[in-house]
Amino acid sequence: MKIKSVVKVMNFYSLLRVDSSKKKAEKYFGYEQAVREFIDNILNNKNLILDKKMIKMNERGRELNIYIANDLGFCGSFNSNINEVLRQDKDSDKIIIGKKIIQNKSFDNVMLSMSKDEYFEGSGQINKIMFDSIKDKKYKSINLIYNHYYNVSRIERVKRQILPLEKTKNKKDEYNDDFAVEGNINSILLNIIALYLGYEIKVAVENSYASENIMRQMITKESLKKIDEIEEEKQRKERKEKQIKSLKKQLDNINKMNLNK
């Protein structure tokens, strides 16, 4: 069956994409952790004088929620959890990544929408929104909402706050590193925080991509099982029909022999 060949190819490529996305997510996670710790050292360092108000969040502002869904079909109810939150979210500004969700134009306060393919090709628009939102103190928080891949049997929708930042160290006396700074440290810090947010989004997008391909792989595997069952049932019917035809032919031959006697 042609459809079986197509589903096999979909299943195979889904497995390849899961492995690729996991590796990319791990790579970006390493970058994100390094940048986050660097920001933490600057923000909470005793030897630097910073304008802390410059990077303070707007407590009276709204949230910026970044929703990440999928581009691929054949993923079952992958988007339903994300859609559920989106429909209830009337107040926040939104960035939506994922072709299957941006086809729906009924959501409120959407600043930017794009497919995952468009995001992979260039994320400059999102990075600019991140930088401007920090500089203008527009939001009280920035959050990622997506399906997080833990393992092949566990994929869960999460809402993760990526700004404001929390301290990465427990002891106050650990923030004593010395820095030699050329230029405006406050301006440098803004750019570093925007870089960190960019890595956070990349990690979530790659993780979500792994999740949707796991879902796709599971559904194609189940579909292949169903196709095999259908083919087996068809073969059983064909064998039965052949047996009936053979038996009928034998009976006809016996009848003819009896008539000729």
C-alpha atoms as a PDB file:
ATOM      1  CA  MET A   1       0.000   0.000   0.000  1.00  0.00           C
ATOM      2  CA  LYS A   2       1.292   3.457  -0.968  1.00  0.00           C
ATOM      3  CA  ILE A   3       0.011   5.036   2.229  1.00  0.00           C
ATOM      4  CA  LYS A   4       2.055   2.569   4.274  1.00  0.00           C
ATOM      5  CA  SER A   5       5.254   3.680   2.536  1.00  0.00           C
ATOM      6  CA  VAL A   6       4.420   7.334   3.220  1.00  0.00           C
ATOM      7  CA  VAL A   7       3.698   6.670   6.903  1.00  0.00           C
ATOM      8  CA  LYS A   8       6.951   4.695   7.244  1.00  0.00           C
ATOM      9  CA  VAL A   9       8.900   7.654   5.850  1.00  0.00           C
ATOM     10  CA  MET A  10       7.091  10.038   8.235  1.00  0.00           C
ATOM     11  CA  ASN A  11       7.891   7.744  11.148  1.00  0.00           C
ATOM     12  CA  PHE A  12      11.574   7.504  10.193  1.00  0.00           C
ATOM     13  CA  TYR A  13      12.065  11.255   9.769  1.00  0.00           C
ATOM     14  CA  SER A  14      10.255  11.955  13.042  1.00  0.00           C
ATOM     15  CA  LEU A  15      12.808   9.822  14.884  1.00  0.00           C
ATOM     16  CA  LEU A  16      15.682  11.659  13.173  1.00  0.00           C
ATOM     17  CA  ARG A  17      14.198  15.063  14.060  1.00  0.00           C
ATOM     18  CA  VAL A  18      13.768  14.093  17.723  1.00  0.00           C
ATOM     19  CA  ASP A  19      17.458  13.261  18.047  1.00  0.00           C
ATOM     20  CA  SER A  20      18.541  16.418  16.186  1.00  0.00           C
ATOM     21  CA  SER A  21      16.265  18.692  18.233  1.00  0.00           C
ATOM     22  CA  LYS A  22      17.416  17.175  21.529  1.00  0.00           C
ATOM     23  CA  LYS A  23      21.055  17.851  20.632  1.00  0.00           C
ATOM     24  CA  LYS A  24      20.323  21.435  19.585  1.00  0.00           C
ATOM     25  CA  ALA A  25      18.249  22.087  22.714  1.00  0.00           C
ATOM     26  CA  GLU A  26      21.088  20.779  24.900  1.00  0.00           C
ATOM     27  CA  LYS A  27      23.592  23.010  23.059  1.00  0.00           C
ATOM     28  CA  TYR A  28      21.454  26.143  23.425  1.00  0.00           C
ATOM     29  CA  PHE A  29      20.731  25.248  27.046  1.00  0.00           C
ATOM     30  CA  GLY A  30      24.469  25.294  27.728  1.00  0.00           C
ATOM     31  CA  TYR A  31      24.778  28.759  26.166  1.00  0.00           C
ATOM     32  CA  GLU A  32      21.707  29.996  28.030  1.00  0.00           C
ATOM     33  CA  GLN A  33      23.068  28.789  31.384  1.00  0.00           C
ATOM     34  CA  ALA A  34      26.436  30.481  30.798  1.00  0.00           C
ATOM     35  CA  VAL A  35      24.820  33.791  29.797  1.00  0.00           C
ATOM     36  CA  ARG A  36      22.350  33.612  32.694  1.00  0.00           C
ATOM     37  CA  GLU A  37      25.125  33.115  35.257  1.00  0.00           C
ATOM     38  CA  PHE A  38      27.082  35.974  33.695  1.00  0.00           C
ATOM     39  CA  ILE A  39      24.044  38.284  33.962  1.00  0.00           C
ATOM     40  CA  ASP A  40      23.507  37.176  37.545  1.00  0.00           C
ATOM     41  CA  ASN A  41      27.122  38.032  38.401  1.00  0.00           C
ATOM     42  CA  ILE A  42      26.710  41.516  36.925  1.00  0.00           C
ATOM     43  CA  LEU A  43      23.305  42.261  38.438  1.00  0.00           C
ATOM     44  CA  ASN A  44      24.167  41.179  41.965  1.00  0.00           C
ATOM     45  CA  ASN A  45      27.864  42.039  42.047  1.00  0.00           C
ATOM     46  CA  LYS A  46      29.067  44.167  44.952  1.00  0.00           C
ATOM     47  CA  ASN A  47      31.836  45.779  42.909  1.00  0.00           C
ATOM     48  CA  LEU A  48      29.644  47.233  40.153  1.00  0.00           C
ATOM     49  CA  ILE A  49      27.419  50.281  40.358  1.00  0.00           C
ATOM     50  CA  LEU A  50      24.358  49.676  38.217  1.00  0.00           C
ATOM     51  CA  ASP A  51      21.180  51.586  37.544  1.00  0.00           C
ATOM     52  CA  LYS A  52      18.945  48.762  38.785  1.00  0.00           C
ATOM     53  CA  LYS A  53      15.835  50.698  37.772  1.00  0.00           C
ATOM     54  CA  MET A  54      16.906  50.362  34.155  1.00  0.00           C
ATOM     55  CA  ILE A  55      16.202  46.625  34.129  1.00  0.00           C
ATOM     56  CA  LYS A  56      13.334  46.609  36.595  1.00  0.00           C
ATOM     57  CA  MET A  57      10.093  45.044  35.336  1.00  0.00           C
ATOM     58  CA  ASN A  58       6.894  47.090  35.134  1.00  0.00           C
ATOM     59  CA  GLU A  59       4.733  45.787  37.983  1.00  0.00           C
ATOM     60  CA  ARG A  60       1.680  47.509  36.483  1.00  0.00           C
ATOM     61  CA  GLY A  61       2.352  46.186  32.997  1.00  0.00           C
ATOM     62  CA  ARG A  62       0.882  43.136  31.332  1.00  0.00           C
ATOM     63  CA  GLU A  63       2.575  39.818  30.599  1.00  0.00           C
ATOM     64  CA  LEU A  64       4.279  38.918  27.343  1.00  0.00           C
ATOM     65  CA  ASN A  65       3.490  35.257  26.623  1.00  0.00           C
ATOM     66  CA  ILE A  66       5.368  33.376  23.893  1.00  0.00           C
ATOM     67  CA  TYR A  67       3.314  30.412  22.650  1.00  0.00           C
ATOM     68  CA  ILE A  68       5.084  27.609  20.793  1.00  0.00           C
ATOM     69  CA  ALA A  69       3.025  25.052  18.856  1.00  0.00           C
ATOM     70  CA  ASN A  70       3.815  22.855  15.845  1.00  0.00           C
ATOM     71  CA  ASP A  71       4.160  23.104  12.070  1.00  0.00           C
ATOM     72  CA  LEU A  72       3.688  19.445  11.197  1.00  0.00           C
ATOM     73  CA  GLY A  73       0.436  17.610  10.678  1.00  0.00           C
ATOM     74  CA  PHE A  74      -0.301  14.098  11.917  1.00  0.00           C
ATOM     75  CA  CYS A  75       0.447  15.114  15.525  1.00  0.00           C
ATOM     76  CA  GLY A  76      -2.873  14.342  17.132  1.00  0.00           C
ATOM     77  CA  SER A  77      -3.923  16.762  19.866  1.00  0.00           C
ATOM     78  CA  PHE A  78      -0.468  18.360  20.206  1.00  0.00           C
ATOM     79  CA  ASN A  79      -1.872  21.887  19.826  1.00  0.00           C
ATOM     80  CA  SER A  80      -5.018  21.461  21.897  1.00  0.00           C
ATOM     81  CA  ASN A  81      -3.289  22.232  25.230  1.00  0.00           C
ATOM     82  CA  ILE A  82      -1.678  25.363  23.798  1.00  0.00           C
ATOM     83  CA  ASN A  83      -4.926  26.478  22.146  1.00  0.00           C
ATOM     84  CA  GLU A  84      -6.753  26.049  25.440  1.00  0.00           C
ATOM     85  CA  VAL A  85      -4.465  28.550  27.202  1.00  0.00           C
ATOM     86  CA  LEU A  86      -4.451  30.913  24.224  1.00  0.00           C
ATOM     87  CA  ARG A  87      -8.236  31.181  24.107  1.00  0.00           C
ATOM     88  CA  GLN A  88      -8.379  31.998  27.812  1.00  0.00           C
ATOM     89  CA  ASP A  89      -5.547  34.525  27.597  1.00  0.00           C
ATOM     90  CA  LYS A  90      -7.315  37.826  26.895  1.00  0.00           C
ATOM     91  CA  ASP A  91      -5.000  40.289  28.633  1.00  0.00           C
ATOM     92  CA  SER A  92      -1.384  39.517  27.732  1.00  0.00           C
ATOM     93  CA  ASP A  93       0.580  40.456  24.625  1.00  0.00           C
ATOM     94  CA  LYS A  94       1.457  37.396  22.575  1.00  0.00           C
ATOM     95  CA  ILE A  95       4.077  36.027  20.229  1.00  0.00           C
ATOM     96  CA  ILE A  96       2.943  32.824  18.500  1.00  0.00           C
ATOM     97  CA  ILE A  97       5.332  30.334  16.888  1.00  0.00           C
ATOM     98  CA  GLY A  98       3.783  27.414  14.992  1.00  0.00           C
ATOM     99  CA  LYS A  99       1.924  27.137  11.697  1.00  0.00           C
ATOM    100  CA  LYS A 100      -0.951  25.072  13.097  1.00  0.00           C
ATOM    101  CA  ILE A 101      -1.853  27.808  15.579  1.00  0.00           C
ATOM    102  CA  ILE A 102      -1.223  30.944  13.504  1.00  0.00           C
ATOM    103  CA  GLN A 103      -3.823  29.709  11.036  1.00  0.00           C
ATOM    104  CA  ASN A 104      -6.333  30.727  13.716  1.00  0.00           C
ATOM    105  CA  LYS A 105      -6.620  34.545  13.599  1.00  0.00           C
ATOM    106  CA  SER A 106      -9.065  34.977  16.491  1.00  0.00           C
ATOM    107  CA  PHE A 107      -6.575  35.507  19.344  1.00  0.00           C
ATOM    108  CA  ASP A 108      -6.257  38.871  21.109  1.00  0.00           C
ATOM    109  CA  ASN A 109      -3.162  41.115  21.297  1.00  0.00           C
ATOM    110  CA  VAL A 110      -0.929  39.100  18.939  1.00  0.00           C
ATOM    111  CA  MET A 111       2.237  41.130  18.311  1.00  0.00           C
ATOM    112  CA  LEU A 112       3.933  38.627  16.013  1.00  0.00           C
ATOM    113  CA  SER A 113       3.154  35.206  14.577  1.00  0.00           C
ATOM    114  CA  MET A 114       5.300  32.880  12.506  1.00  0.00           C
ATOM    115  CA  SER A 115       5.792  29.222  11.670  1.00  0.00           C
ATOM    116  CA  LYS A 116       8.635  27.258  13.247  1.00  0.00           C
ATOM    117  CA  ASP A 117      10.322  27.146   9.843  1.00  0.00           C
ATOM    118  CA  GLU A 118      10.219  30.951   9.697  1.00  0.00           C
ATOM    119  CA  TYR A 119      11.620  31.117  13.222  1.00  0.00           C
ATOM    120  CA  PHE A 120      14.494  28.767  12.329  1.00  0.00           C
ATOM    121  CA  GLU A 121      15.285  30.901   9.271  1.00  0.00           C
ATOM    122  CA  GLY A 122      15.633  34.075  11.339  1.00  0.00           C
ATOM    123  CA  SER A 123      14.560  35.155  14.803  1.00  0.00           C
ATOM    124  CA  GLY A 124      15.583  38.809  14.516  1.00  0.00           C
ATOM    125  CA  GLN A 125      12.043  40.156  14.924  1.00  0.00           C
ATOM    126  CA  ILE A 126      11.593  38.386  18.241  1.00  0.00           C
ATOM    127  CA  ASN A 127      15.020  39.501  19.477  1.00  0.00           C
ATOM    128  CA  LYS A 128      14.103  43.139  18.709  1.00  0.00           C
ATOM    129  CA  ILE A 129      10.826  42.797  20.635  1.00  0.00           C
ATOM    130  CA  MET A 130      12.766  41.351  23.580  1.00  0.00           C
ATOM    131  CA  PHE A 131      15.310  44.191  23.574  1.00  0.00           C
ATOM    132  CA  ASP A 132      12.694  46.951  23.209  1.00  0.00           C
ATOM    133  CA  SER A 133      10.471  45.462  25.916  1.00  0.00           C
ATOM    134  CA  ILE A 134      13.329  45.470  28.432  1.00  0.00           C
ATOM    135  CA  LYS A 135      14.495  48.957  27.477  1.00  0.00           C
ATOM    136  CA  ASP A 136      10.968  50.420  27.629  1.00  0.00           C
ATOM    137  CA  LYS A 137       9.996  48.483  30.790  1.00  0.00           C
ATOM    138  CA  LYS A 138       6.832  47.351  29.059  1.00  0.00           C
ATOM    139  CA  TYR A 139       6.028  44.085  30.858  1.00  0.00           C
ATOM    140  CA  LYS A 140       5.815  42.690  34.354  1.00  0.00           C
ATOM    141  CA  SER A 141       6.999  39.278  33.108  1.00  0.00           C
ATOM    142  CA  ILE A 142       7.909  37.304  29.983  1.00  0.00           C
ATOM    143  CA  ASN A 143       6.799  33.661  29.810  1.00  0.00           C
ATOM    144  CA  LEU A 144       7.193  30.672  27.508  1.00  0.00           C
ATOM    145  CA  ILE A 145       4.227  28.323  26.993  1.00  0.00           C
ATOM    146  CA  TYR A 146       4.943  25.117  25.096  1.00  0.00           C
ATOM    147  CA  ASN A 147       4.905  21.315  25.201  1.00  0.00           C
ATOM    148  CA  HIS A 148       8.060  20.248  27.028  1.00  0.00           C
ATOM    149  CA  TYR A 149       9.792  16.987  26.120  1.00  0.00           C
ATOM    150  CA  TYR A 150      11.038  15.058  29.169  1.00  0.00           C
ATOM    151  CA  ASN A 151      11.243  11.583  27.625  1.00  0.00           C
ATOM    152  CA  VAL A 152       9.367   9.445  25.093  1.00  0.00           C
ATOM    153  CA  SER A 153       6.573   8.736  27.569  1.00  0.00           C
ATOM    154  CA  ARG A 154       6.313  12.187  29.149  1.00  0.00           C
ATOM    155  CA  ILE A 155       5.422  15.376  27.265  1.00  0.00           C
ATOM    156  CA  GLU A 156       3.740  18.131  29.279  1.00  0.00           C
ATOM    157  CA  ARG A 157       2.536  21.666  28.656  1.00  0.00           C
ATOM    158  CA  VAL A 158       4.556  24.128  30.722  1.00  0.00           C
ATOM    159  CA  LYS A 159       4.466  27.853  31.421  1.00  0.00           C
ATOM    160  CA  ARG A 160       7.969  29.012  32.306  1.00  0.00           C
ATOM    161  CA  GLN A 161       8.919  32.527  33.367  1.00  0.00           C
ATOM    162  CA  ILE A 162      12.151  33.734  31.736  1.00  0.00           C
ATOM    163  CA  LEU A 163      12.013  37.333  32.975  1.00  0.00           C
ATOM    164  CA  PRO A 164      12.419  38.718  35.634  1.00  0.00           C
ATOM    165  CA  LEU A 165      15.542  36.745  36.431  1.00  0.00           C
ATOM    166  CA  GLU A 166      16.138  34.952  39.687  1.00  0.00           C
ATOM    167  CA  LYS A 167      19.496  34.638  41.433  1.00  0.00           C
ATOM    168  CA  THR A 168      21.491  31.553  40.473  1.00  0.00           C
ATOM    169  CA  LYS A 169      23.554  31.575  43.675  1.00  0.00           C
ATOM    170  CA  ASN A 170      22.429  31.060  47.243  1.00  0.00           C
ATOM    171  CA  LYS A 171      25.012  32.987  49.218  1.00  0.00           C
ATOM    172  CA  LYS A 172      25.278  36.761  48.990  1.00  0.00           C
ATOM    173  CA  ASP A 173      29.044  36.710  49.599  1.00  0.00           C
ATOM    174  CA  GLU A 174      29.606  34.814  46.325  1.00  0.00           C
ATOM    175  CA  TYR A 175      28.967  37.926  44.188  1.00  0.00           C
ATOM    176  CA  ASN A 176      32.448  39.414  44.517  1.00  0.00           C
ATOM    177  CA  ASP A 177      33.979  38.947  41.045  1.00  0.00           C
ATOM    178  CA  ASP A 178      35.860  41.944  39.649  1.00  0.00           C
ATOM    179  CA  PHE A 179      35.062  43.284  36.177  1.00  0.00           C
ATOM    180  CA  ALA A 180      36.987  45.558  33.829  1.00  0.00           C
ATOM    181  CA  VAL A 181      34.277  47.399  31.875  1.00  0.00           C
ATOM    182  CA  GLU A 182      34.703  49.416  28.689  1.00  0.00           C
ATOM    183  CA  GLY A 183      31.614  51.345  27.673  1.00  0.00           C
ATOM    184  CA  ASN A 184      28.246  51.768  29.361  1.00  0.00           C
ATOM    185  CA  ILE A 185      27.681  48.725  31.600  1.00  0.00           C
ATOM    186  CA  ASN A 186      23.930  49.352  31.675  1.00  0.00           C
ATOM    187  CA  SER A 187      23.678  49.301  27.874  1.00  0.00           C
ATOM    188  CA  ILE A 188      25.884  46.209  27.714  1.00  0.00           C
ATOM    189  CA  LEU A 189      23.673  44.491  30.263  1.00  0.00           C
ATOM    190  CA  LEU A 190      20.524  45.191  28.203  1.00  0.00           C
ATOM    191  CA  ASN A 191      22.078  43.485  25.182  1.00  0.00           C
ATOM    192  CA  ILE A 192      23.243  40.498  27.250  1.00  0.00           C
ATOM    193  CA  ILE A 193      19.768  40.016  28.756  1.00  0.00           C
ATOM    194  CA  ALA A 194      18.222  40.154  25.267  1.00  0.00           C
ATOM    195  CA  LEU A 195      20.782  37.524  24.171  1.00  0.00           C
ATOM    196  CA  TYR A 196      19.831  35.329  27.142  1.00  0.00           C
ATOM    197  CA  LEU A 197      16.115  35.586  26.271  1.00  0.00           C
ATOM    198  CA  GLY A 198      16.925  34.619  22.690  1.00  0.00           C
ATOM    199  CA  TYR A 199      18.649  31.444  23.890  1.00  0.00           C
ATOM    200  CA  GLU A 200      15.750  30.635  26.223  1.00  0.00           C
ATOM    201  CA  ILE A 201      13.339  30.802  23.276  1.00  0.00           C
ATOM    202  CA  LYS A 202      15.652  28.683  21.102  1.00  0.00           C
ATOM    203  CA  VAL A 203      15.810  25.991  23.802  1.00  0.00           C
ATOM    204  CA  ALA A 204      12.001  25.949  24.089  1.00  0.00           C
ATOM    205  CA  VAL A 205      11.454  25.863  20.304  1.00  0.00           C
ATOM    206  CA  GLU A 206      13.866  22.949  19.838  1.00  0.00           C
ATOM    207  CA  ASN A 207      12.379  21.125  22.822  1.00  0.00           C
ATOM    208  CA  SER A 208       8.880  21.657  21.435  1.00  0.00           C
ATOM    209  CA  TYR A 209      10.074  20.413  18.027  1.00  0.00           C
ATOM    210  CA  ALA A 210      11.317  17.218  19.676  1.00  0.00           C
ATOM    211  CA  SER A 211       7.959  16.879  21.452  1.00  0.00           C
ATOM    212  CA  GLU A 212       5.882  17.209  18.300  1.00  0.00           C
ATOM    213  CA  ASN A 213       8.059  14.684  16.472  1.00  0.00           C
ATOM    214  CA  ILE A 214       7.749  12.211  19.353  1.00  0.00           C
ATOM    215  CA  MET A 215       3.978  12.665  19.121  1.00  0.00           C
ATOM    216  CA  ARG A 216       4.154  12.252  15.337  1.00  0.00           C
ATOM    217  CA  GLN A 217       6.321   9.155  15.687  1.00  0.00           C
ATOM    218  CA  MET A 218       3.937   7.579  18.203  1.00  0.00           C
ATOM    219  CA  ILE A 219       0.918   8.234  15.981  1.00  0.00           C
ATOM    220  CA  THR A 220       2.640   6.999  12.806  1.00  0.00           C
ATOM    221  CA  LYS A 221       3.754   3.869  14.698  1.00  0.00           C
ATOM    222  CA  GLU A 222       0.162   3.258  15.770  1.00  0.00           C
ATOM    223  CA  SER A 223      -0.998   3.945  12.211  1.00  0.00           C
ATOM    224  CA  LEU A 224       1.469   1.417  10.816  1.00  0.00           C
ATOM    225  CA  LYS A 225       0.126  -1.134  13.294  1.00  0.00           C
ATOM    226  CA  LYS A 226      -3.437  -0.414  12.112  1.00  0.00           C
ATOM    227  CA  ILE A 227      -2.370  -0.650   8.466  1.00  0.00           C
ATOM    228  CA  ASP A 228      -0.724  -4.023   9.163  1.00  0.00           C
ATOM    229  CA  GLU A 229      -3.917  -5.203  10.867  1.00  0.00           C
ATOM    230  CA  ILE A 230      -6.004  -4.067   7.873  1.00  0.00           C
ATOM    231  CA  GLU A 231      -3.613  -5.782   5.452  1.00  0.00           C
ATOM    232  CA  GLU A 232      -3.645  -8.965   7.518  1.00  0.00           C
ATOM    233  CA  GLU A 233      -7.459  -8.941   7.627  1.00  0.00           C
ATOM    234  CA  LYS A 234      -7.557  -8.380   3.877  1.00  0.00           C
ATOM    235  CA  GLN A 235      -5.158 -11.278   3.321  1.00  0.00           C
ATOM    236  CA  ARG A 236      -7.299 -13.524   5.551  1.00  0.00           C
ATOM    237  CA  LYS A 237     -10.379 -12.665   3.494  1.00  0.00           C
ATOM    238  CA  GLU A 238      -8.506 -13.291   0.246  1.00  0.00           C
ATOM    239  CA  ARG A 239      -7.265 -16.673   1.512  1.00  0.00           C
ATOM    240  CA  LYS A 240     -10.780 -17.572   2.633  1.00  0.00           C
ATOM    241  CA  GLU A 241     -12.233 -16.562  -0.740  1.00  0.00           C
ATOM    242  CA  LYS A 242      -9.578 -18.652  -2.501  1.00  0.00           C
ATOM    243  CA  GLN A 243     -10.369 -21.610  -0.278  1.00  0.00           C
ATOM    244  CA  ILE A 244     -14.100 -21.223  -1.013  1.00  0.00           C
ATOM    245  CA  LYS A 245     -13.421 -20.993  -4.756  1.00  0.00           C
ATOM    246  CA  SER A 246     -11.136 -24.020  -4.604  1.00  0.00           C
ATOM    247  CA  LEU A 247     -13.712 -26.004  -2.641  1.00  0.00           C
ATOM    248  CA  LYS A 248     -16.467 -24.948  -5.031  1.00  0.00           C
ATOM    249  CA  LYS A 249     -14.368 -26.013  -7.987  1.00  0.00           C
ATOM    250  CA  GLN A 250     -13.710 -29.381  -6.399  1.00  0.00           C
ATOM    251  CA  LEU A 251     -17.433 -29.850  -5.740  1.00  0.00           C
ATOM    252  CA  ASP A 252     -18.234 -28.909  -9.348  1.00  0.00           C
ATOM    253  CA  ASN A 253     -15.713 -31.460 -10.595  1.00  0.00           C
ATOM    254  CA  ILE A 254     -17.192 -34.161  -8.344  1.00  0.00           C
ATOM    255  CA  ASN A 255     -20.700 -33.342  -9.613  1.00  0.00           C
ATOM    256  CA  LYS A 256     -19.541 -33.549 -13.215  1.00  0.00           C
ATOM    257  CA  MET A 257     -17.927 -36.911 -12.589  1.00  0.00           C
ATOM    258  CA  ASN A 258     -21.142 -38.212 -11.023  1.00  0.00           C
ATOM    259  CA  LEU A 259     -23.212 -36.999 -14.005  1.00  0.00           C
ATOM    260  CA  ASN A 260     -20.909 -38.749 -16.476  1.00  0.00           C
ATOM    261  CA  LYS A 261     -21.263 -42.119 -14.804  1.00  0.00           C
END
